PDB file of N, CA and C in Angstrom:
ATOM      1  N   MET A   1      -5.019  -9.058  19.496  1.00  0.00           N
ATOM      2  CA  MET A   1      -5.640 -10.062  18.658  1.00  0.00           C
ATOM      3  C   MET A   1      -6.538  -9.361  17.642  1.00  0.00           C
ATOM      4  N   ARG A   2      -6.432  -9.779  16.398  1.00  0.00           N
ATOM      5  CA  ARG A   2      -7.225  -9.159  15.346  1.00  0.00           C
ATOM      6  C   ARG A   2      -8.549  -9.880  15.180  1.00  0.00           C
ATOM      7  N   ARG A   3      -9.574  -9.109  14.921  1.00  0.00           N
ATOM      8  CA  ARG A   3     -10.897  -9.692  14.714  1.00  0.00           C
ATOM      9  C   ARG A   3     -11.081 -10.054  13.256  1.00  0.00           C
ATOM     10  N   LYS A   4     -11.723 -11.199  13.033  1.00  0.00           N
ATOM     11  CA  LYS A   4     -12.020 -11.599  11.665  1.00  0.00           C
ATOM     12  C   LYS A   4     -13.240 -10.826  11.180  1.00  0.00           C
ATOM     13  N   GLY A   5     -13.258 -10.568   9.871  1.00  0.00           N
ATOM     14  CA  GLY A   5     -14.408  -9.915   9.284  1.00  0.00           C
ATOM     15  C   GLY A   5     -14.359  -8.398   9.326  1.00  0.00           C
ATOM     16  N   ARG A   6     -13.407  -7.848  10.028  1.00  0.00           N
ATOM     17  CA  ARG A   6     -13.302  -6.397  10.105  1.00  0.00           C
ATOM     18  C   ARG A   6     -12.507  -5.893   8.909  1.00  0.00           C
ATOM     19  N   SER A   7     -13.094  -5.006   8.143  1.00  0.00           N
ATOM     20  CA  SER A   7     -12.373  -4.483   6.991  1.00  0.00           C
ATOM     21  C   SER A   7     -11.428  -3.383   7.468  1.00  0.00           C
ATOM     22  N   ARG A   8     -10.264  -3.397   6.917  1.00  0.00           N
ATOM     23  CA  ARG A   8      -9.243  -2.427   7.299  1.00  0.00           C
ATOM     24  C   ARG A   8      -8.991  -1.490   6.129  1.00  0.00           C
ATOM     25  N   SER A   9      -8.684  -0.271   6.447  1.00  0.00           N
ATOM     26  CA  SER A   9      -8.262   0.658   5.413  1.00  0.00           C
ATOM     27  C   SER A   9      -6.802   1.001   5.689  1.00  0.00           C
ATOM     28  N   TYR A  10      -6.000   0.875   4.671  1.00  0.00           N
ATOM     29  CA  TYR A  10      -4.574   1.098   4.817  1.00  0.00           C
ATOM     30  C   TYR A  10      -4.176   2.396   4.150  1.00  0.00           C
ATOM     31  N   ALA A  11      -3.323   3.138   4.828  1.00  0.00           N
ATOM     32  CA  ALA A  11      -2.726   4.332   4.258  1.00  0.00           C
ATOM     33  C   ALA A  11      -1.384   3.919   3.650  1.00  0.00           C
ATOM     34  N   VAL A  12      -0.589   4.891   3.244  1.00  0.00           N
ATOM     35  CA  VAL A  12       0.654   4.612   2.538  1.00  0.00           C
ATOM     36  C   VAL A  12       1.835   5.225   3.268  1.00  0.00           C
ATOM     37  N   ALA A  13       2.929   4.490   3.305  1.00  0.00           N
ATOM     38  CA  ALA A  13       4.230   5.004   3.727  1.00  0.00           C
ATOM     39  C   ALA A  13       5.169   4.766   2.556  1.00  0.00           C
ATOM     40  N   ALA A  14       5.975   5.752   2.202  1.00  0.00           N
ATOM     41  CA  ALA A  14       6.814   5.641   1.011  1.00  0.00           C
ATOM     42  C   ALA A  14       8.242   6.079   1.286  1.00  0.00           C
ATOM     43  N   SER A  15       9.137   5.654   0.400  1.00  0.00           N
ATOM     44  CA  SER A  15      10.550   6.000   0.546  1.00  0.00           C
ATOM     45  C   SER A  15      10.840   7.422   0.079  1.00  0.00           C
ATOM     46  N   GLY A  16       9.934   8.029  -0.657  1.00  0.00           N
ATOM     47  CA  GLY A  16      10.131   9.405  -1.134  1.00  0.00           C
ATOM     48  C   GLY A  16       8.809  10.128  -1.263  1.00  0.00           C
ATOM     49  N   GLN A  17       8.899  11.382  -1.641  1.00  0.00           N
ATOM     50  CA  GLN A  17       7.691  12.181  -1.837  1.00  0.00           C
ATOM     51  C   GLN A  17       7.908  13.189  -2.949  1.00  0.00           C
ATOM     52  N   TRP A  18       6.818  13.661  -3.507  1.00  0.00           N
ATOM     53  CA  TRP A  18       6.858  14.725  -4.501  1.00  0.00           C
ATOM     54  C   TRP A  18       5.631  15.585  -4.312  1.00  0.00           C
ATOM     55  N   THR A  19       5.663  16.774  -4.861  1.00  0.00           N
ATOM     56  CA  THR A  19       4.573  17.726  -4.705  1.00  0.00           C
ATOM     57  C   THR A  19       3.889  17.940  -6.043  1.00  0.00           C
ATOM     58  N   ASP A  20       2.601  17.720  -6.072  1.00  0.00           N
ATOM     59  CA  ASP A  20       1.811  17.913  -7.283  1.00  0.00           C
ATOM     60  C   ASP A  20       1.323  19.358  -7.325  1.00  0.00           C
ATOM     61  N   GLU A  21       1.853  20.113  -8.254  1.00  0.00           N
ATOM     62  CA  GLU A  21       1.495  21.534  -8.379  1.00  0.00           C
ATOM     63  C   GLU A  21       0.074  21.711  -8.906  1.00  0.00           C
ATOM     64  N   GLU A  22      -0.403  20.769  -9.725  1.00  0.00           N
ATOM     65  CA  GLU A  22      -1.733  20.886 -10.314  1.00  0.00           C
ATOM     66  C   GLU A  22      -2.848  20.718  -9.288  1.00  0.00           C
ATOM     67  N   GLU A  23      -2.604  19.925  -8.249  1.00  0.00           N
ATOM     68  CA  GLU A  23      -3.622  19.682  -7.232  1.00  0.00           C
ATOM     69  C   GLU A  23      -3.434  20.562  -6.001  1.00  0.00           C
ATOM     70  N   GLY A  24      -2.792  21.683  -6.162  1.00  0.00           N
ATOM     71  CA  GLY A  24      -2.645  22.612  -5.055  1.00  0.00           C
ATOM     72  C   GLY A  24      -1.550  22.245  -4.068  1.00  0.00           C
ATOM     73  N   ARG A  25      -0.420  21.833  -4.595  1.00  0.00           N
ATOM     74  CA  ARG A  25       0.770  21.528  -3.790  1.00  0.00           C
ATOM     75  C   ARG A  25       0.527  20.397  -2.793  1.00  0.00           C
ATOM     76  N   ARG A  26      -0.111  19.363  -3.227  1.00  0.00           N
ATOM     77  CA  ARG A  26      -0.390  18.196  -2.395  1.00  0.00           C
ATOM     78  C   ARG A  26       0.818  17.253  -2.401  1.00  0.00           C
ATOM     79  N   ARG A  27       1.219  16.778  -1.220  1.00  0.00           N
ATOM     80  CA  ARG A  27       2.321  15.814  -1.107  1.00  0.00           C
ATOM     81  C   ARG A  27       1.828  14.432  -1.516  1.00  0.00           C
ATOM     82  N   LEU A  28       2.591  13.749  -2.356  1.00  0.00           N
ATOM     83  CA  LEU A  28       2.223  12.420  -2.820  1.00  0.00           C
ATOM     84  C   LEU A  28       3.417  11.480  -2.704  1.00  0.00           C
ATOM     85  N   PRO A  29       3.160  10.168  -2.583  1.00  0.00           N
ATOM     86  CA  PRO A  29       4.253   9.203  -2.412  1.00  0.00           C
ATOM     87  C   PRO A  29       5.046   8.968  -3.694  1.00  0.00           C
ATOM     88  N   ALA A  30       6.318   8.613  -3.505  1.00  0.00           N
ATOM     89  CA  ALA A  30       7.207   8.286  -4.624  1.00  0.00           C
ATOM     90  C   ALA A  30       8.132   7.159  -4.189  1.00  0.00           C
ATOM     91  N   GLY A  31       8.695   6.471  -5.165  1.00  0.00           N
ATOM     92  CA  GLY A  31       9.632   5.392  -4.868  1.00  0.00           C
ATOM     93  C   GLY A  31       8.903   4.121  -4.489  1.00  0.00           C
ATOM     94  N   GLU A  32       9.385   3.452  -3.448  1.00  0.00           N
ATOM     95  CA  GLU A  32       8.768   2.211  -2.971  1.00  0.00           C
ATOM     96  C   GLU A  32       7.703   2.544  -1.940  1.00  0.00           C
ATOM     97  N   VAL A  33       6.517   1.962  -2.108  1.00  0.00           N
ATOM     98  CA  VAL A  33       5.414   2.230  -1.180  1.00  0.00           C
ATOM     99  C   VAL A  33       5.080   0.979  -0.370  1.00  0.00           C
ATOM    100  N   HIS A  34       4.642   1.224   0.856  1.00  0.00           N
ATOM    101  CA  HIS A  34       4.248   0.172   1.793  1.00  0.00           C
ATOM    102  C   HIS A  34       2.875   0.512   2.354  1.00  0.00           C
ATOM    103  N   ALA A  35       2.093  -0.513   2.689  1.00  0.00           N
ATOM    104  CA  ALA A  35       0.805  -0.313   3.354  1.00  0.00           C
ATOM    105  C   ALA A  35       1.077  -0.031   4.831  1.00  0.00           C
ATOM    106  N   TRP A  36       0.300   0.876   5.404  1.00  0.00           N
ATOM    107  CA  TRP A  36       0.512   1.318   6.782  1.00  0.00           C
ATOM    108  C   TRP A  36      -0.831   1.611   7.418  1.00  0.00           C
ATOM    109  N   GLU A  37      -1.003   1.170   8.658  1.00  0.00           N
ATOM    110  CA  GLU A  37      -2.222   1.466   9.403  1.00  0.00           C
ATOM    111  C   GLU A  37      -1.969   2.697  10.264  1.00  0.00           C
ATOM    112  N   PRO A  38      -2.722   3.781  10.061  1.00  0.00           N
ATOM    113  CA  PRO A  38      -2.523   4.969  10.897  1.00  0.00           C
ATOM    114  C   PRO A  38      -2.671   4.631  12.381  1.00  0.00           C
ATOM    115  N   GLY A  39      -1.781   5.185  13.172  1.00  0.00           N
ATOM    116  CA  GLY A  39      -1.768   4.908  14.597  1.00  0.00           C
ATOM    117  C   GLY A  39      -0.709   3.898  14.985  1.00  0.00           C
ATOM    118  N   ARG A  40      -0.100   3.250  14.000  1.00  0.00           N
ATOM    119  CA  ARG A  40       0.965   2.277  14.257  1.00  0.00           C
ATOM    120  C   ARG A  40       2.295   2.855  13.784  1.00  0.00           C
ATOM    121  N   ASN A  41       3.376   2.372  14.342  1.00  0.00           N
ATOM    122  CA  ASN A  41       4.701   2.861  13.990  1.00  0.00           C
ATOM    123  C   ASN A  41       5.455   1.910  13.069  1.00  0.00           C
ATOM    124  N   GLU A  42       4.717   1.006  12.438  1.00  0.00           N
ATOM    125  CA  GLU A  42       5.347   0.086  11.502  1.00  0.00           C
ATOM    126  C   GLU A  42       4.414  -0.185  10.333  1.00  0.00           C
ATOM    127  N   THR A  43       5.008  -0.643   9.235  1.00  0.00           N
ATOM    128  CA  THR A  43       4.215  -0.982   8.061  1.00  0.00           C
ATOM    129  C   THR A  43       3.574  -2.348   8.272  1.00  0.00           C
ATOM    130  N   VAL A  44       2.713  -2.735   7.357  1.00  0.00           N
ATOM    131  CA  VAL A  44       2.035  -4.019   7.448  1.00  0.00           C
ATOM    132  C   VAL A  44       3.052  -5.164   7.360  1.00  0.00           C
ATOM    133  N   CYS A  45       4.132  -4.966   6.599  1.00  0.00           N
ATOM    134  CA  CYS A  45       5.148  -6.014   6.449  1.00  0.00           C
ATOM    135  C   CYS A  45       6.151  -6.022   7.589  1.00  0.00           C
ATOM    136  N   GLY A  46       6.051  -5.088   8.537  1.00  0.00           N
ATOM    137  CA  GLY A  46       6.887  -5.113   9.727  1.00  0.00           C
ATOM    138  C   GLY A  46       8.043  -4.143   9.758  1.00  0.00           C
ATOM    139  N   LEU A  47       8.193  -3.287   8.760  1.00  0.00           N
ATOM    140  CA  LEU A  47       9.276  -2.303   8.775  1.00  0.00           C
ATOM    141  C   LEU A  47       8.946  -1.157   9.731  1.00  0.00           C
ATOM    142  N   SER A  48       9.919  -0.743  10.491  1.00  0.00           N
ATOM    143  CA  SER A  48       9.747   0.410  11.363  1.00  0.00           C
ATOM    144  C   SER A  48       9.765   1.672  10.504  1.00  0.00           C
ATOM    145  N   LEU A  49       8.796   2.551  10.706  1.00  0.00           N
ATOM    146  CA  LEU A  49       8.711   3.755   9.878  1.00  0.00           C
ATOM    147  C   LEU A  49       9.913   4.677  10.084  1.00  0.00           C
ATOM    148  N   SER A  50      10.328   4.865  11.326  1.00  0.00           N
ATOM    149  CA  SER A  50      11.424   5.796  11.579  1.00  0.00           C
ATOM    150  C   SER A  50      12.774   5.212  11.177  1.00  0.00           C
ATOM    151  N   ARG A  51      13.016   3.957  11.486  1.00  0.00           N
ATOM    152  CA  ARG A  51      14.310   3.347  11.139  1.00  0.00           C
ATOM    153  C   ARG A  51      14.478   3.168   9.641  1.00  0.00           C
ATOM    154  N   SER A  52      13.397   2.940   8.945  1.00  0.00           N
ATOM    155  CA  SER A  52      13.450   2.775   7.491  1.00  0.00           C
ATOM    156  C   SER A  52      13.381   4.108   6.766  1.00  0.00           C
ATOM    157  N   ARG A  53      13.172   5.176   7.522  1.00  0.00           N
ATOM    158  CA  ARG A  53      13.047   6.539   6.970  1.00  0.00           C
ATOM    159  C   ARG A  53      11.943   6.632   5.918  1.00  0.00           C
ATOM    160  N   LEU A  54      10.802   6.061   6.262  1.00  0.00           N
ATOM    161  CA  LEU A  54       9.644   6.121   5.383  1.00  0.00           C
ATOM    162  C   LEU A  54       8.782   7.321   5.745  1.00  0.00           C
ATOM    163  N   VAL A  55       8.236   7.972   4.740  1.00  0.00           N
ATOM    164  CA  VAL A  55       7.374   9.139   4.919  1.00  0.00           C
ATOM    165  C   VAL A  55       5.933   8.657   4.954  1.00  0.00           C
ATOM    166  N   ARG A  56       5.160   9.130   5.930  1.00  0.00           N
ATOM    167  CA  ARG A  56       3.753   8.732   6.076  1.00  0.00           C
ATOM    168  C   ARG A  56       2.857   9.616   5.214  1.00  0.00           C
ATOM    169  N   PHE A  57       1.851   8.981   4.624  1.00  0.00           N
ATOM    170  CA  PHE A  57       0.844   9.690   3.843  1.00  0.00           C
ATOM    171  C   PHE A  57      -0.525   9.216   4.319  1.00  0.00           C
ATOM    172  N   ALA A  58      -1.025   9.827   5.376  1.00  0.00           N
ATOM    173  CA  ALA A  58      -2.294   9.409   5.972  1.00  0.00           C
ATOM    174  C   ALA A  58      -3.480   9.676   5.051  1.00  0.00           C
ATOM    175  N   GLY A  59      -3.368  10.646   4.173  1.00  0.00           N
ATOM    176  CA  GLY A  59      -4.468  10.994   3.280  1.00  0.00           C
ATOM    177  C   GLY A  59      -4.481  10.221   1.977  1.00  0.00           C
ATOM    178  N   VAL A  60      -3.505   9.338   1.763  1.00  0.00           N
ATOM    179  CA  VAL A  60      -3.433   8.551   0.533  1.00  0.00           C
ATOM    180  C   VAL A  60      -3.721   7.094   0.888  1.00  0.00           C
ATOM    181  N   THR A  61      -4.718   6.506   0.256  1.00  0.00           N
ATOM    182  CA  THR A  61      -5.059   5.117   0.544  1.00  0.00           C
ATOM    183  C   THR A  61      -4.195   4.169  -0.287  1.00  0.00           C
ATOM    184  N   TRP A  62      -4.124   2.923   0.168  1.00  0.00           N
ATOM    185  CA  TRP A  62      -3.311   1.907  -0.517  1.00  0.00           C
ATOM    186  C   TRP A  62      -3.767   1.716  -1.959  1.00  0.00           C
ATOM    187  N   THR A  63      -5.074   1.741  -2.202  1.00  0.00           N
ATOM    188  CA  THR A  63      -5.576   1.518  -3.561  1.00  0.00           C
ATOM    189  C   THR A  63      -5.233   2.664  -4.501  1.00  0.00           C
ATOM    190  N   ASP A  64      -4.908   3.837  -3.974  1.00  0.00           N
ATOM    191  CA  ASP A  64      -4.502   4.969  -4.822  1.00  0.00           C
ATOM    192  C   ASP A  64      -3.108   4.781  -5.415  1.00  0.00           C
ATOM    193  N   THR A  65      -2.344   3.812  -4.943  1.00  0.00           N
ATOM    194  CA  THR A  65      -0.984   3.619  -5.447  1.00  0.00           C
ATOM    195  C   THR A  65      -0.929   2.657  -6.621  1.00  0.00           C
ATOM    196  N   PHE A  66      -2.068   2.096  -7.034  1.00  0.00           N
ATOM    197  CA  PHE A  66      -2.092   1.218  -8.197  1.00  0.00           C
ATOM    198  C   PHE A  66      -2.136   2.063  -9.466  1.00  0.00           C
ATOM    199  N   PRO A  67      -1.381   1.697 -10.493  1.00  0.00           N
ATOM    200  CA  PRO A  67      -1.325   2.509 -11.711  1.00  0.00           C
ATOM    201  C   PRO A  67      -2.681   2.740 -12.367  1.00  0.00           C
ATOM    202  N   GLU A  68      -3.558   1.744 -12.346  1.00  0.00           N
ATOM    203  CA  GLU A  68      -4.854   1.898 -13.007  1.00  0.00           C
ATOM    204  C   GLU A  68      -5.819   2.776 -12.219  1.00  0.00           C
ATOM    205  N   SER A  69      -5.468   3.145 -10.985  1.00  0.00           N
ATOM    206  CA  SER A  69      -6.362   3.966 -10.177  1.00  0.00           C
ATOM    207  C   SER A  69      -6.369   5.416 -10.640  1.00  0.00           C
ATOM    208  N   GLY A  70      -5.260   5.861 -11.230  1.00  0.00           N
ATOM    209  CA  GLY A  70      -5.163   7.250 -11.650  1.00  0.00           C
ATOM    210  C   GLY A  70      -5.002   8.191 -10.479  1.00  0.00           C
ATOM    211  N   GLY A  71      -4.778   7.679  -9.304  1.00  0.00           N
ATOM    212  CA  GLY A  71      -4.635   8.496  -8.106  1.00  0.00           C
ATOM    213  C   GLY A  71      -3.212   8.973  -7.910  1.00  0.00           C
ATOM    214  N   ALA A  72      -2.599   8.548  -6.830  1.00  0.00           N
ATOM    215  CA  ALA A  72      -1.277   9.019  -6.445  1.00  0.00           C
ATOM    216  C   ALA A  72      -0.159   8.129  -6.959  1.00  0.00           C
ATOM    217  N   ALA A  73      -0.375   7.409  -8.047  1.00  0.00           N
ATOM    218  CA  ALA A  73       0.592   6.417  -8.517  1.00  0.00           C
ATOM    219  C   ALA A  73       1.557   6.936  -9.577  1.00  0.00           C
ATOM    220  N   ASP A  74       1.576   8.217  -9.836  1.00  0.00           N
ATOM    221  CA  ASP A  74       2.412   8.751 -10.910  1.00  0.00           C
ATOM    222  C   ASP A  74       3.894   8.459 -10.727  1.00  0.00           C
ATOM    223  N   ARG A  75       4.397   8.570  -9.520  1.00  0.00           N
ATOM    224  CA  ARG A  75       5.833   8.377  -9.291  1.00  0.00           C
ATOM    225  C   ARG A  75       6.146   7.166  -8.409  1.00  0.00           C
ATOM    226  N   VAL A  76       5.184   6.288  -8.250  1.00  0.00           N
ATOM    227  CA  VAL A  76       5.418   5.053  -7.499  1.00  0.00           C
ATOM    228  C   VAL A  76       6.186   4.100  -8.401  1.00  0.00           C
ATOM    229  N   GLN A  77       7.347   3.638  -7.932  1.00  0.00           N
ATOM    230  CA  GLN A  77       8.169   2.735  -8.722  1.00  0.00           C
ATOM    231  C   GLN A  77       7.918   1.274  -8.365  1.00  0.00           C
ATOM    232  N   ARG A  78       7.629   1.005  -7.095  1.00  0.00           N
ATOM    233  CA  ARG A  78       7.461  -0.387  -6.655  1.00  0.00           C
ATOM    234  C   ARG A  78       6.546  -0.437  -5.447  1.00  0.00           C
ATOM    235  N   GLN A  79       5.695  -1.461  -5.417  1.00  0.00           N
ATOM    236  CA  GLN A  79       4.872  -1.734  -4.242  1.00  0.00           C
ATOM    237  C   GLN A  79       5.478  -2.923  -3.525  1.00  0.00           C
ATOM    238  N   CYS A  80       5.544  -2.844  -2.227  1.00  0.00           N
ATOM    239  CA  CYS A  80       6.094  -3.929  -1.430  1.00  0.00           C
ATOM    240  C   CYS A  80       5.224  -5.175  -1.633  1.00  0.00           C
ATOM    241  N   PRO A  81       5.815  -6.289  -2.069  1.00  0.00           N
ATOM    242  CA  PRO A  81       4.995  -7.481  -2.300  1.00  0.00           C
ATOM    243  C   PRO A  81       4.416  -8.072  -1.023  1.00  0.00           C
ATOM    244  N   ARG A  82       5.106  -7.930   0.099  1.00  0.00           N
ATOM    245  CA  ARG A  82       4.570  -8.443   1.366  1.00  0.00           C
ATOM    246  C   ARG A  82       3.368  -7.620   1.814  1.00  0.00           C
ATOM    247  N   CYS A  83       3.452  -6.308   1.658  1.00  0.00           N
ATOM    248  CA  CYS A  83       2.306  -5.452   2.001  1.00  0.00           C
ATOM    249  C   CYS A  83       1.138  -5.714   1.055  1.00  0.00           C
ATOM    250  N   ALA A  84       1.450  -5.929  -0.222  1.00  0.00           N
ATOM    251  CA  ALA A  84       0.396  -6.179  -1.210  1.00  0.00           C
ATOM    252  C   ALA A  84      -0.343  -7.473  -0.926  1.00  0.00           C
ATOM    253  N   SER A  85       0.345  -8.464  -0.378  1.00  0.00           N
ATOM    254  CA  SER A  85      -0.330  -9.723  -0.084  1.00  0.00           C
ATOM    255  C   SER A  85      -1.314  -9.584   1.074  1.00  0.00           C
ATOM    256  N   VAL A  86      -1.055  -8.636   1.970  1.00  0.00           N
ATOM    257  CA  VAL A  86      -1.946  -8.419   3.109  1.00  0.00           C
ATOM    258  C   VAL A  86      -3.040  -7.414   2.769  1.00  0.00           C
ATOM    259  N   ALA A  87      -2.651  -6.295   2.183  1.00  0.00           N
ATOM    260  CA  ALA A  87      -3.581  -5.193   1.956  1.00  0.00           C
ATOM    261  C   ALA A  87      -4.401  -5.353   0.685  1.00  0.00           C
ATOM    262  N   GLY A  88      -4.028  -6.266  -0.179  1.00  0.00           N
ATOM    263  CA  GLY A  88      -4.761  -6.460  -1.422  1.00  0.00           C
ATOM    264  C   GLY A  88      -3.902  -6.113  -2.610  1.00  0.00           C
ATOM    265  N   ARG A  89      -4.058  -6.892  -3.652  1.00  0.00           N
ATOM    266  CA  ARG A  89      -3.235  -6.714  -4.839  1.00  0.00           C
ATOM    267  C   ARG A  89      -4.150  -6.727  -6.044  1.00  0.00           C
ATOM    268  N   ARG A  90      -3.939  -5.781  -6.919  1.00  0.00           N
ATOM    269  CA  ARG A  90      -4.686  -5.727  -8.172  1.00  0.00           C
ATOM    270  C   ARG A  90      -3.708  -5.347  -9.260  1.00  0.00           C
ATOM    271  N   GLY A  91      -4.064  -5.569 -10.483  1.00  0.00           N
ATOM    272  CA  GLY A  91      -3.227  -5.145 -11.586  1.00  0.00           C
ATOM    273  C   GLY A  91      -2.640  -6.310 -12.346  1.00  0.00           C
ATOM    274  N   SER A  92      -1.640  -6.022 -13.174  1.00  0.00           N
ATOM    275  CA  SER A  92      -1.072  -7.039 -14.059  1.00  0.00           C
ATOM    276  C   SER A  92      -0.323  -8.121 -13.294  1.00  0.00           C
ATOM    277  N   ASP A  93       0.243  -7.802 -12.132  1.00  0.00           N
ATOM    278  CA  ASP A  93       1.001  -8.795 -11.376  1.00  0.00           C
ATOM    279  C   ASP A  93       0.149  -9.533 -10.356  1.00  0.00           C
ATOM    280  N   ALA A  94      -1.137  -9.263 -10.331  1.00  0.00           N
ATOM    281  CA  ALA A  94      -2.020  -9.896  -9.355  1.00  0.00           C
ATOM    282  C   ALA A  94      -2.204 -11.367  -9.688  1.00  0.00           C
ATOM    283  N   ARG A  95      -2.085 -12.173  -8.676  1.00  0.00           N
ATOM    284  CA  ARG A  95      -2.321 -13.602  -8.837  1.00  0.00           C
ATOM    285  C   ARG A  95      -3.736 -13.912  -8.376  1.00  0.00           C
ATOM    286  N   PRO A  96      -4.365 -14.870  -9.001  1.00  0.00           N
ATOM    287  CA  PRO A  96      -5.718 -15.224  -8.544  1.00  0.00           C
ATOM    288  C   PRO A  96      -5.673 -15.816  -7.142  1.00  0.00           C
ATOM    289  N   ALA A  97      -6.756 -15.708  -6.434  1.00  0.00           N
ATOM    290  CA  ALA A  97      -6.835 -16.285  -5.094  1.00  0.00           C
ATOM    291  C   ALA A  97      -6.674 -17.799  -5.179  1.00  0.00           C
ATOM    292  N   TRP A  98      -6.117 -18.389  -4.149  1.00  0.00           N
ATOM    293  CA  TRP A  98      -5.886 -19.824  -4.135  1.00  0.00           C
ATOM    294  C   TRP A  98      -7.219 -20.541  -4.170  1.00  0.00           C
ATOM    295  N   HIS A  99      -7.307 -21.566  -5.003  1.00  0.00           N
ATOM    296  CA  HIS A  99      -8.557 -22.300  -5.163  1.00  0.00           C
ATOM    297  C   HIS A  99      -8.247 -23.754  -5.511  1.00  0.00           C
ATOM    298  N   ARG A 100      -8.768 -24.689  -4.743  1.00  0.00           N
ATOM    299  CA  ARG A 100      -8.562 -26.118  -5.012  1.00  0.00           C
ATOM    300  C   ARG A 100      -9.604 -26.563  -6.025  1.00  0.00           C
ATOM    301  N   THR A 101      -9.152 -27.099  -7.135  1.00  0.00           N
ATOM    302  CA  THR A 101     -10.079 -27.510  -8.195  1.00  0.00           C
ATOM    303  C   THR A 101     -10.516 -28.960  -8.070  1.00  0.00           C
ATOM    304  N   ASN A 102      -9.701 -29.789  -7.440  1.00  0.00           N
ATOM    305  CA  ASN A 102     -10.033 -31.199  -7.332  1.00  0.00           C
ATOM    306  C   ASN A 102      -9.743 -31.654  -5.894  1.00  0.00           C
ATOM    307  N   PRO A 103     -10.647 -31.397  -4.955  1.00  0.00           N
ATOM    308  CA  PRO A 103     -10.373 -31.743  -3.571  1.00  0.00           C
ATOM    309  C   PRO A 103     -10.317 -33.248  -3.346  1.00  0.00           C
ATOM    310  N   ARG A 104      -9.592 -33.629  -2.346  1.00  0.00           N
ATOM    311  CA  ARG A 104      -9.485 -35.048  -2.011  1.00  0.00           C
ATOM    312  C   ARG A 104     -10.793 -35.553  -1.400  1.00  0.00           C
ATOM    313  N   PRO A 105     -11.097 -36.838  -1.573  1.00  0.00           N
ATOM    314  CA  PRO A 105     -12.345 -37.367  -1.003  1.00  0.00           C
ATOM    315  C   PRO A 105     -12.288 -37.476   0.499  1.00  0.00           C
TER     316      PRO A 105
END
Protein backbone atom coordinates (compact mmCIF):
# COMPACT_ATOMS: atom_id res chain seq x y z
CA MET A 1 0.00 0.00 0.00
CA ARG A 2 1.35 3.40 -0.95
CA ARG A 3 1.38 6.26 1.50
CA LYS A 4 -0.13 9.58 0.52
CA GLY A 5 2.04 12.65 0.74
CA ARG A 6 5.30 10.82 0.21
CA SER A 7 7.30 12.35 -2.60
CA ARG A 8 8.88 9.86 -4.93
CA SER A 9 11.93 10.24 -7.07
CA TYR A 10 11.91 8.33 -10.30
CA ALA A 11 14.89 7.13 -12.26
CA VAL A 12 14.83 6.29 -15.97
CA ALA A 13 14.64 3.08 -17.98
CA ALA A 14 15.12 3.45 -21.74
CA SER A 15 15.00 1.42 -24.92
CA GLY A 16 18.55 2.48 -25.87
CA GLN A 17 21.68 4.14 -24.61
CA TRP A 18 24.50 6.34 -25.82
CA THR A 19 27.79 7.49 -24.37
CA ASP A 20 28.55 11.17 -23.90
CA GLU A 21 32.25 11.69 -24.57
CA GLU A 22 32.19 15.29 -23.29
CA GLU A 23 31.03 14.28 -19.80
CA GLY A 24 33.63 11.58 -19.33
CA ARG A 25 32.00 8.63 -21.08
CA ARG A 26 28.76 8.77 -19.11
CA ARG A 27 25.94 6.42 -20.23
CA LEU A 28 22.73 8.29 -21.05
CA PRO A 29 19.25 7.17 -22.16
CA ALA A 30 18.10 7.14 -25.79
CA GLY A 31 14.93 6.23 -27.64
CA GLU A 32 11.76 5.77 -25.58
CA VAL A 33 12.11 6.50 -21.86
CA HIS A 34 10.01 5.25 -18.95
CA ALA A 35 9.89 6.28 -15.28
CA TRP A 36 11.28 3.60 -12.96
CA GLU A 37 11.61 3.29 -9.20
CA PRO A 38 15.00 1.83 -8.22
CA GLY A 39 14.56 -1.47 -6.43
CA ARG A 40 11.62 -2.54 -8.59
CA ASN A 41 11.70 -4.76 -11.67
CA GLU A 42 9.06 -2.86 -13.59
CA THR A 43 8.41 0.64 -14.86
CA VAL A 44 5.76 2.91 -13.40
CA CYS A 45 3.43 2.01 -16.31
CA GLY A 46 3.84 -1.72 -15.60
CA LEU A 47 6.36 -2.89 -18.21
CA SER A 48 8.79 -5.56 -17.07
CA LEU A 49 12.34 -4.25 -17.42
CA SER A 50 13.86 -7.55 -18.54
CA ARG A 51 11.08 -8.67 -20.89
CA SER A 52 10.91 -5.25 -22.52
CA ARG A 53 14.72 -5.15 -22.77
CA LEU A 54 14.89 -1.74 -21.14
CA VAL A 55 18.21 -0.40 -19.87
CA ARG A 56 18.22 1.05 -16.33
CA PHE A 57 19.73 4.44 -15.58
CA ALA A 58 19.72 4.82 -11.80
CA GLY A 59 21.78 8.01 -11.94
CA VAL A 60 19.43 9.82 -14.35
CA THR A 61 16.26 11.32 -12.89
CA TRP A 62 12.93 11.50 -14.72
CA THR A 63 13.08 15.31 -14.91
CA ASP A 64 16.44 15.11 -16.74
CA THR A 65 14.67 13.58 -19.76
CA PHE A 66 12.65 16.72 -20.52
CA PRO A 67 14.09 18.75 -23.43
CA GLU A 68 14.06 22.04 -21.51
CA SER A 69 16.10 20.52 -18.67
CA GLY A 70 19.29 20.42 -20.72
CA GLY A 71 20.18 17.20 -18.94
CA ALA A 72 20.12 13.75 -20.48
CA ALA A 73 17.45 14.54 -23.09
CA ASP A 74 19.68 14.90 -26.15
CA ARG A 75 18.73 11.57 -27.72
CA VAL A 76 15.37 10.93 -26.06
CA GLN A 77 12.79 10.48 -28.82
CA ARG A 78 9.65 9.79 -26.78
CA GLN A 79 8.49 9.76 -23.17
CA CYS A 80 5.95 7.15 -22.19
CA PRO A 81 2.66 9.02 -21.69
CA ARG A 82 1.49 6.62 -18.97
CA CYS A 83 4.71 7.12 -17.00
CA ALA A 84 4.49 10.88 -17.54
CA SER A 85 1.00 10.98 -16.06
CA VAL A 86 2.27 9.36 -12.86
CA ALA A 87 5.77 10.80 -12.53
CA GLY A 88 4.93 14.31 -13.70
CA ARG A 89 4.72 16.01 -17.04
CA ARG A 90 6.15 19.33 -18.11
CA GLY A 91 6.77 20.95 -21.45
CA SER A 92 4.79 21.77 -24.57
CA ASP A 93 2.58 18.67 -24.35
CA ALA A 94 1.75 19.17 -20.67
CA ARG A 95 -1.91 19.49 -19.90
CA PRO A 96 -3.07 21.63 -17.01
CA ALA A 97 -4.22 19.84 -13.89
CA TRP A 98 -7.92 19.02 -13.80
CA HIS A 99 -9.92 21.84 -12.26
CA ARG A 100 -13.70 22.28 -11.94
CA THR A 101 -14.64 25.87 -12.73
CA ASN A 102 -18.35 25.71 -12.00
CA PRO A 103 -19.12 23.12 -9.30
CA ARG A 104 -22.62 21.84 -8.80
CA PRO A 105 -24.60 23.20 -5.82
